[in-house]
Amino acid sequence: MVILCVEDEDPQLELRKMLFESAGFEFVGARRGPEALELFRTKDISVVVLDYWMSGMNGMELASEMKRLRPTIPIIMLSGFPSLPGEGVGVVDAWFLKGRVEPEALIERVGELIKRNPT
């Protein structure tokens, strides 16, 4: 199973890489929206985990475009916002408060979404 993680902060991207690989997932990382969209179009992605705030394109814009391209691929959003903004309903499959999400909870949710939507 391939996890696409989109994060513009290198230390966070590296931490997620270690987390997902240690859980047995194949990891693909991107720092910006356009790069993530190219990977999303060309790779067999199982789940997307992305940051809300990124330079050039925010996470909700990116998630909306990904859902337009491949509506069945689950998307998990990480954000500093305590709750999902209204525009995220129907676009994002899970929402976690960035900096407060336990790694185990993130891995568990990814697993649940994969089981619910096998690709």
N, C-alpha and C. Protein backbone atom coordinates (compact mmCIF):
# COMPACT_ATOMS: atom_id res chain seq x y z
N MET A 1 0.83 -1.17 0.00
CA MET A 1 0.00 0.00 0.00
C MET A 1 0.88 1.25 0.00
N VAL A 2 0.55 2.19 -0.83
CA VAL A 2 1.36 3.39 -1.01
C VAL A 2 0.67 4.59 -0.36
N ILE A 3 1.41 5.27 0.51
CA ILE A 3 0.92 6.48 1.17
C ILE A 3 1.61 7.67 0.52
N LEU A 4 0.82 8.61 0.00
CA LEU A 4 1.36 9.88 -0.49
C LEU A 4 1.21 10.89 0.62
N CYS A 5 2.33 11.42 1.07
CA CYS A 5 2.31 12.42 2.14
C CYS A 5 2.78 13.75 1.56
N VAL A 6 1.99 14.79 1.78
CA VAL A 6 2.29 16.11 1.25
C VAL A 6 2.51 17.05 2.44
N GLU A 7 3.72 17.56 2.54
CA GLU A 7 4.12 18.40 3.68
C GLU A 7 5.25 19.30 3.24
N ASP A 8 5.13 20.60 3.48
CA ASP A 8 6.16 21.53 3.03
C ASP A 8 7.30 21.73 4.02
N GLU A 9 7.21 21.12 5.19
CA GLU A 9 8.29 21.21 6.17
C GLU A 9 9.08 19.91 6.16
N ASP A 10 10.36 20.01 5.78
CA ASP A 10 11.20 18.81 5.64
C ASP A 10 11.25 17.93 6.88
N PRO A 11 11.42 18.49 8.10
CA PRO A 11 11.47 17.60 9.27
C PRO A 11 10.17 16.80 9.46
N GLN A 12 9.03 17.44 9.22
CA GLN A 12 7.75 16.74 9.34
C GLN A 12 7.61 15.65 8.28
N LEU A 13 8.03 15.97 7.07
CA LEU A 13 7.96 14.98 5.98
C LEU A 13 8.84 13.77 6.30
N GLU A 14 10.03 14.02 6.83
CA GLU A 14 10.93 12.93 7.19
C GLU A 14 10.37 12.08 8.33
N LEU A 15 9.75 12.73 9.32
CA LEU A 15 9.14 11.98 10.42
C LEU A 15 8.01 11.09 9.92
N ARG A 16 7.19 11.60 9.02
CA ARG A 16 6.10 10.80 8.49
C ARG A 16 6.63 9.65 7.64
N LYS A 17 7.70 9.89 6.93
CA LYS A 17 8.32 8.83 6.14
C LYS A 17 8.74 7.68 7.07
N MET A 18 9.42 8.01 8.15
CA MET A 18 9.85 6.98 9.11
C MET A 18 8.65 6.28 9.72
N LEU A 19 7.61 7.03 10.06
CA LEU A 19 6.41 6.46 10.66
C LEU A 19 5.74 5.46 9.73
N PHE A 20 5.46 5.88 8.50
CA PHE A 20 4.74 5.01 7.58
C PHE A 20 5.57 3.81 7.12
N GLU A 21 6.85 4.03 6.89
CA GLU A 21 7.70 2.90 6.49
C GLU A 21 7.85 1.89 7.62
N SER A 22 7.94 2.38 8.86
CA SER A 22 8.05 1.44 10.00
C SER A 22 6.76 0.64 10.19
N ALA A 23 5.65 1.17 9.69
CA ALA A 23 4.37 0.46 9.77
C ALA A 23 4.16 -0.45 8.56
N GLY A 24 5.13 -0.50 7.64
CA GLY A 24 5.05 -1.40 6.50
C GLY A 24 4.46 -0.82 5.23
N PHE A 25 4.25 0.49 5.20
CA PHE A 25 3.71 1.13 4.00
C PHE A 25 4.83 1.61 3.10
N GLU A 26 4.56 1.66 1.81
CA GLU A 26 5.46 2.33 0.89
C GLU A 26 5.15 3.82 0.98
N PHE A 27 6.18 4.63 1.05
CA PHE A 27 6.01 6.08 1.25
C PHE A 27 6.43 6.84 0.01
N VAL A 28 5.60 7.79 -0.38
CA VAL A 28 5.93 8.73 -1.44
C VAL A 28 5.67 10.12 -0.86
N GLY A 29 6.66 11.00 -0.94
CA GLY A 29 6.53 12.33 -0.34
C GLY A 29 6.60 13.45 -1.37
N ALA A 30 5.91 14.53 -1.06
CA ALA A 30 5.93 15.74 -1.89
C ALA A 30 5.90 16.95 -0.99
N ARG A 31 6.56 18.02 -1.44
CA ARG A 31 6.61 19.26 -0.64
C ARG A 31 5.61 20.31 -1.10
N ARG A 32 5.10 20.18 -2.33
CA ARG A 32 4.19 21.21 -2.87
C ARG A 32 3.04 20.53 -3.62
N GLY A 33 1.96 21.29 -3.80
CA GLY A 33 0.78 20.78 -4.47
C GLY A 33 1.01 20.25 -5.87
N PRO A 34 1.65 21.02 -6.76
CA PRO A 34 1.85 20.53 -8.13
C PRO A 34 2.64 19.21 -8.18
N GLU A 35 3.67 19.11 -7.35
CA GLU A 35 4.46 17.88 -7.28
C GLU A 35 3.58 16.72 -6.79
N ALA A 36 2.76 16.99 -5.79
CA ALA A 36 1.86 15.96 -5.26
C ALA A 36 0.85 15.51 -6.30
N LEU A 37 0.31 16.45 -7.06
CA LEU A 37 -0.66 16.09 -8.10
C LEU A 37 -0.03 15.19 -9.16
N GLU A 38 1.21 15.48 -9.53
CA GLU A 38 1.90 14.64 -10.52
C GLU A 38 2.08 13.22 -9.98
N LEU A 39 2.49 13.10 -8.74
CA LEU A 39 2.64 11.77 -8.13
C LEU A 39 1.29 11.07 -8.04
N PHE A 40 0.27 11.81 -7.67
CA PHE A 40 -1.08 11.26 -7.55
C PHE A 40 -1.59 10.73 -8.88
N ARG A 41 -1.25 11.43 -9.95
CA ARG A 41 -1.68 11.01 -11.29
C ARG A 41 -0.91 9.79 -11.80
N THR A 42 0.35 9.64 -11.38
CA THR A 42 1.21 8.62 -11.99
C THR A 42 1.47 7.39 -11.13
N LYS A 43 1.18 7.46 -9.86
CA LYS A 43 1.44 6.32 -8.96
C LYS A 43 0.14 5.71 -8.49
N ASP A 44 0.22 4.48 -8.05
CA ASP A 44 -0.93 3.77 -7.50
C ASP A 44 -1.02 4.08 -6.00
N ILE A 45 -1.64 5.19 -5.68
CA ILE A 45 -1.73 5.70 -4.31
C ILE A 45 -2.91 5.05 -3.60
N SER A 46 -2.68 4.62 -2.34
CA SER A 46 -3.75 4.02 -1.54
C SER A 46 -4.44 5.04 -0.65
N VAL A 47 -3.65 5.94 -0.04
CA VAL A 47 -4.16 6.97 0.86
C VAL A 47 -3.26 8.20 0.73
N VAL A 48 -3.88 9.39 0.85
CA VAL A 48 -3.13 10.64 0.85
C VAL A 48 -3.21 11.24 2.25
N VAL A 49 -2.06 11.67 2.78
CA VAL A 49 -1.99 12.38 4.06
C VAL A 49 -1.37 13.73 3.74
N LEU A 50 -2.12 14.81 3.99
CA LEU A 50 -1.56 16.10 3.62
C LEU A 50 -1.79 17.18 4.65
N ASP A 51 -0.93 18.15 4.59
CA ASP A 51 -0.98 19.33 5.45
C ASP A 51 -1.96 20.33 4.85
N TYR A 52 -2.65 21.07 5.70
CA TYR A 52 -3.58 22.08 5.22
C TYR A 52 -2.84 23.30 4.66
N TRP A 53 -1.87 23.80 5.43
CA TRP A 53 -1.14 25.01 5.00
C TRP A 53 0.13 24.64 4.25
N MET A 54 0.17 25.01 2.98
CA MET A 54 1.36 24.80 2.16
C MET A 54 1.50 26.02 1.25
N SER A 55 2.71 26.27 0.80
CA SER A 55 2.90 27.41 -0.10
C SER A 55 2.35 27.08 -1.48
N GLY A 56 1.72 28.06 -2.10
CA GLY A 56 1.24 27.91 -3.47
C GLY A 56 -0.16 27.35 -3.61
N MET A 57 -0.50 26.37 -2.82
CA MET A 57 -1.81 25.70 -2.92
C MET A 57 -2.12 25.13 -1.55
N ASN A 58 -3.26 25.52 -0.96
CA ASN A 58 -3.53 24.96 0.36
C ASN A 58 -4.06 23.53 0.24
N GLY A 59 -4.06 22.83 1.35
CA GLY A 59 -4.44 21.43 1.36
C GLY A 59 -5.84 21.15 0.86
N MET A 60 -6.78 22.06 1.13
CA MET A 60 -8.15 21.83 0.69
C MET A 60 -8.27 21.95 -0.83
N GLU A 61 -7.54 22.89 -1.41
CA GLU A 61 -7.52 22.99 -2.88
C GLU A 61 -6.93 21.72 -3.49
N LEU A 62 -5.85 21.25 -2.91
CA LEU A 62 -5.20 20.04 -3.40
C LEU A 62 -6.12 18.83 -3.23
N ALA A 63 -6.74 18.70 -2.07
CA ALA A 63 -7.65 17.57 -1.83
C ALA A 63 -8.82 17.60 -2.80
N SER A 64 -9.36 18.76 -3.07
CA SER A 64 -10.48 18.88 -4.00
C SER A 64 -10.09 18.41 -5.40
N GLU A 65 -8.91 18.81 -5.84
CA GLU A 65 -8.45 18.39 -7.16
C GLU A 65 -8.19 16.88 -7.20
N MET A 66 -7.62 16.34 -6.13
CA MET A 66 -7.38 14.90 -6.07
C MET A 66 -8.70 14.13 -6.10
N LYS A 67 -9.69 14.60 -5.37
CA LYS A 67 -11.00 13.93 -5.37
C LYS A 67 -11.67 14.02 -6.74
N ARG A 68 -11.44 15.11 -7.44
CA ARG A 68 -11.98 15.24 -8.80
C ARG A 68 -11.35 14.20 -9.72
N LEU A 69 -10.03 14.00 -9.56
CA LEU A 69 -9.30 13.05 -10.40
C LEU A 69 -9.59 11.60 -10.05
N ARG A 70 -9.60 11.30 -8.75
CA ARG A 70 -9.78 9.92 -8.29
C ARG A 70 -10.60 9.94 -7.00
N PRO A 71 -11.92 10.01 -7.14
CA PRO A 71 -12.79 10.25 -5.98
C PRO A 71 -12.78 9.17 -4.90
N THR A 72 -12.31 7.98 -5.19
CA THR A 72 -12.35 6.93 -4.18
C THR A 72 -11.11 6.86 -3.29
N ILE A 73 -10.07 7.59 -3.64
CA ILE A 73 -8.84 7.56 -2.83
C ILE A 73 -9.06 8.36 -1.55
N PRO A 74 -8.88 7.73 -0.37
CA PRO A 74 -9.07 8.44 0.89
C PRO A 74 -8.01 9.53 1.11
N ILE A 75 -8.45 10.62 1.73
CA ILE A 75 -7.56 11.74 2.04
C ILE A 75 -7.68 12.07 3.52
N ILE A 76 -6.53 12.15 4.18
CA ILE A 76 -6.45 12.56 5.58
C ILE A 76 -5.78 13.92 5.61
N MET A 77 -6.41 14.88 6.28
CA MET A 77 -5.87 16.24 6.39
C MET A 77 -5.32 16.45 7.79
N LEU A 78 -4.13 17.02 7.85
CA LEU A 78 -3.52 17.44 9.12
C LEU A 78 -3.51 18.96 9.14
N SER A 79 -3.96 19.53 10.24
CA SER A 79 -4.05 20.98 10.29
C SER A 79 -3.93 21.50 11.71
N GLY A 80 -3.60 22.77 11.81
CA GLY A 80 -3.61 23.46 13.09
C GLY A 80 -5.01 23.87 13.50
N PHE A 81 -5.97 23.81 12.56
CA PHE A 81 -7.36 24.12 12.88
C PHE A 81 -7.94 23.01 13.76
N PRO A 82 -8.69 23.35 14.79
CA PRO A 82 -9.25 22.33 15.67
C PRO A 82 -10.39 21.51 15.06
N SER A 83 -10.94 21.98 13.95
CA SER A 83 -12.01 21.22 13.30
C SER A 83 -11.97 21.47 11.79
N LEU A 84 -12.67 20.63 11.09
CA LEU A 84 -12.72 20.68 9.64
C LEU A 84 -13.52 21.89 9.17
N PRO A 85 -12.95 22.77 8.34
CA PRO A 85 -13.72 23.88 7.79
C PRO A 85 -14.85 23.34 6.90
N GLY A 86 -15.88 24.12 6.73
CA GLY A 86 -17.06 23.70 5.96
C GLY A 86 -16.76 23.19 4.58
N GLU A 87 -15.76 23.77 3.90
CA GLU A 87 -15.46 23.33 2.53
C GLU A 87 -14.84 21.95 2.48
N GLY A 88 -14.46 21.40 3.61
CA GLY A 88 -13.85 20.08 3.63
C GLY A 88 -14.83 18.93 3.67
N VAL A 89 -16.07 19.22 4.00
CA VAL A 89 -17.07 18.16 4.07
C VAL A 89 -17.25 17.53 2.70
N GLY A 90 -17.12 16.22 2.65
CA GLY A 90 -17.25 15.51 1.39
C GLY A 90 -15.95 15.41 0.60
N VAL A 91 -14.92 16.13 1.02
CA VAL A 91 -13.64 16.09 0.32
C VAL A 91 -12.62 15.29 1.13
N VAL A 92 -12.58 15.54 2.42
CA VAL A 92 -11.60 14.92 3.29
C VAL A 92 -12.26 13.77 4.06
N ASP A 93 -11.56 12.64 4.13
CA ASP A 93 -12.10 11.47 4.80
C ASP A 93 -11.78 11.42 6.29
N ALA A 94 -10.74 12.14 6.71
CA ALA A 94 -10.38 12.22 8.12
C ALA A 94 -9.61 13.52 8.35
N TRP A 95 -9.72 14.06 9.56
CA TRP A 95 -9.11 15.33 9.94
C TRP A 95 -8.41 15.15 11.27
N PHE A 96 -7.13 15.50 11.35
CA PHE A 96 -6.39 15.43 12.60
C PHE A 96 -5.76 16.77 12.92
N LEU A 97 -5.73 17.11 14.18
CA LEU A 97 -5.09 18.33 14.65
C LEU A 97 -3.58 18.12 14.61
N LYS A 98 -2.91 18.86 13.75
CA LYS A 98 -1.47 18.72 13.55
C LYS A 98 -0.75 19.04 14.86
N GLY A 99 0.23 18.24 15.16
CA GLY A 99 1.00 18.44 16.37
C GLY A 99 0.41 17.74 17.58
N ARG A 100 -0.84 17.32 17.47
CA ARG A 100 -1.47 16.62 18.59
C ARG A 100 -1.90 15.20 18.25
N VAL A 101 -1.77 14.84 17.00
CA VAL A 101 -2.16 13.50 16.59
C VAL A 101 -1.08 12.50 17.02
N GLU A 102 -1.53 11.44 17.66
CA GLU A 102 -0.61 10.39 18.06
C GLU A 102 -0.25 9.56 16.82
N PRO A 103 1.00 9.21 16.64
CA PRO A 103 1.39 8.42 15.47
C PRO A 103 0.56 7.15 15.31
N GLU A 104 0.27 6.49 16.42
CA GLU A 104 -0.52 5.26 16.37
C GLU A 104 -1.92 5.52 15.82
N ALA A 105 -2.51 6.65 16.21
CA ALA A 105 -3.86 7.00 15.74
C ALA A 105 -3.85 7.26 14.23
N LEU A 106 -2.81 7.90 13.75
CA LEU A 106 -2.70 8.18 12.32
C LEU A 106 -2.54 6.87 11.53
N ILE A 107 -1.69 5.99 12.00
CA ILE A 107 -1.49 4.69 11.34
C ILE A 107 -2.79 3.88 11.38
N GLU A 108 -3.46 3.89 12.51
CA GLU A 108 -4.72 3.15 12.63
C GLU A 108 -5.77 3.67 11.64
N ARG A 109 -5.87 4.99 11.52
CA ARG A 109 -6.87 5.57 10.61
C ARG A 109 -6.52 5.25 9.16
N VAL A 110 -5.25 5.31 8.80
CA VAL A 110 -4.83 4.93 7.45
C VAL A 110 -5.25 3.49 7.17
N GLY A 111 -5.00 2.59 8.11
CA GLY A 111 -5.38 1.19 7.95
C GLY A 111 -6.88 1.02 7.78
N GLU A 112 -7.67 1.75 8.56
CA GLU A 112 -9.13 1.68 8.44
C GLU A 112 -9.59 2.14 7.06
N LEU A 113 -9.02 3.23 6.57
CA LEU A 113 -9.42 3.74 5.28
C LEU A 113 -9.04 2.80 4.14
N ILE A 114 -7.90 2.15 4.27
CA ILE A 114 -7.48 1.18 3.26
C ILE A 114 -8.44 -0.02 3.26
N LYS A 115 -8.80 -0.50 4.44
CA LYS A 115 -9.74 -1.63 4.52
C LYS A 115 -11.09 -1.26 3.93
N ARG A 116 -11.51 -0.04 4.17
CA ARG A 116 -12.81 0.43 3.68
C ARG A 116 -12.80 0.65 2.17
N ASN A 117 -11.63 0.95 1.64
CA ASN A 117 -11.52 1.28 0.21
C ASN A 117 -10.32 0.58 -0.41
N PRO A 118 -10.35 -0.75 -0.53
CA PRO A 118 -9.18 -1.42 -1.12
C PRO A 118 -9.02 -1.02 -2.59
N THR A 119 -7.79 -0.67 -2.97
CA THR A 119 -7.53 -0.23 -4.35
C THR A 119 -7.01 -1.37 -5.18
